[in-house]
Amino acid sequence: MQTLHWQKSTYSPDASNCVYIAATPTGTIHLRESEKPDVILTTTTPGLHVLIVGLKYHPRN
């Protein structure tokens, strides 16, 4: 099993509420949140793009 290099999102300034991302050489993107670090979502670069665009244009109120 490979070790992932996790990076904190620059939009997560609070140390207790952070989003982390890691990529593999094969292009798989891994996402996790600091409150539940054992829960890891996986996607592809195009899938992450769709997620970001969706969040950008449909912000929470």
Protein backbone atom coordinates (compact mmCIF):
# COMPACT_ATOMS: atom_id res chain seq x y z
CA MET A 1 0.00 0.00 0.00
CA GLN A 2 1.38 3.39 -0.94
CA THR A 3 1.72 6.29 1.47
CA LEU A 4 -0.32 9.34 0.53
CA HIS A 5 1.09 12.86 0.85
CA TRP A 6 -1.82 14.84 2.30
CA GLN A 7 -2.06 18.60 1.73
CA LYS A 8 -4.39 20.92 3.63
CA SER A 9 -6.65 23.10 1.54
CA THR A 10 -5.69 26.76 1.54
CA TYR A 11 -9.37 27.50 2.17
CA SER A 12 -9.22 25.65 5.52
CA PRO A 13 -7.52 28.10 7.89
CA ASP A 14 -8.96 26.59 11.09
CA ALA A 15 -6.83 23.66 12.27
CA SER A 16 -9.85 21.79 13.64
CA ASN A 17 -12.00 21.98 10.50
CA CYS A 18 -9.81 21.20 7.50
CA VAL A 19 -10.14 19.50 4.14
CA TYR A 20 -7.13 17.49 2.94
CA ILE A 21 -6.32 16.24 -0.55
CA ALA A 22 -3.81 13.70 -1.86
CA ALA A 23 -3.14 12.42 -5.37
CA THR A 24 -1.63 9.14 -6.56
CA PRO A 25 0.65 8.70 -9.58
CA THR A 26 -2.27 7.00 -11.37
CA GLY A 27 -4.42 10.14 -11.06
CA THR A 28 -6.74 9.06 -8.25
CA ILE A 29 -7.65 11.95 -5.97
CA HIS A 30 -8.27 11.29 -2.26
CA LEU A 31 -10.21 13.69 -0.03
CA ARG A 32 -10.71 13.62 3.73
CA GLU A 33 -11.85 15.95 6.48
CA SER A 34 -10.05 16.54 9.78
CA GLU A 35 -13.06 15.54 11.92
CA LYS A 36 -13.21 12.06 10.33
CA PRO A 37 -9.74 11.32 8.93
CA ASP A 38 -10.51 7.61 8.45
CA VAL A 39 -13.29 8.43 5.96
CA ILE A 40 -11.62 8.96 2.59
CA LEU A 41 -13.43 9.79 -0.63
CA THR A 42 -11.80 8.96 -3.95
CA THR A 43 -12.40 10.54 -7.33
CA THR A 44 -10.63 11.50 -10.54
CA THR A 45 -9.35 14.90 -11.64
CA PRO A 46 -12.47 15.53 -13.80
CA GLY A 47 -14.69 14.42 -10.91
CA LEU A 48 -12.96 16.82 -8.52
CA HIS A 49 -13.39 19.61 -11.06
CA VAL A 50 -17.15 18.97 -11.22
CA LEU A 51 -17.33 19.00 -7.40
CA ILE A 52 -15.46 22.30 -7.12
CA VAL A 53 -17.51 23.98 -9.85
CA GLY A 54 -20.71 22.73 -8.22
CA LEU A 55 -19.70 24.07 -4.82
CA LYS A 56 -18.58 27.37 -6.29
CA TYR A 57 -21.86 28.03 -8.08
CA HIS A 58 -24.17 26.55 -5.45
CA PRO A 59 -22.84 27.88 -2.13
CA ARG A 60 -24.55 27.06 1.14
CA ASN A 61 -26.67 29.79 2.66
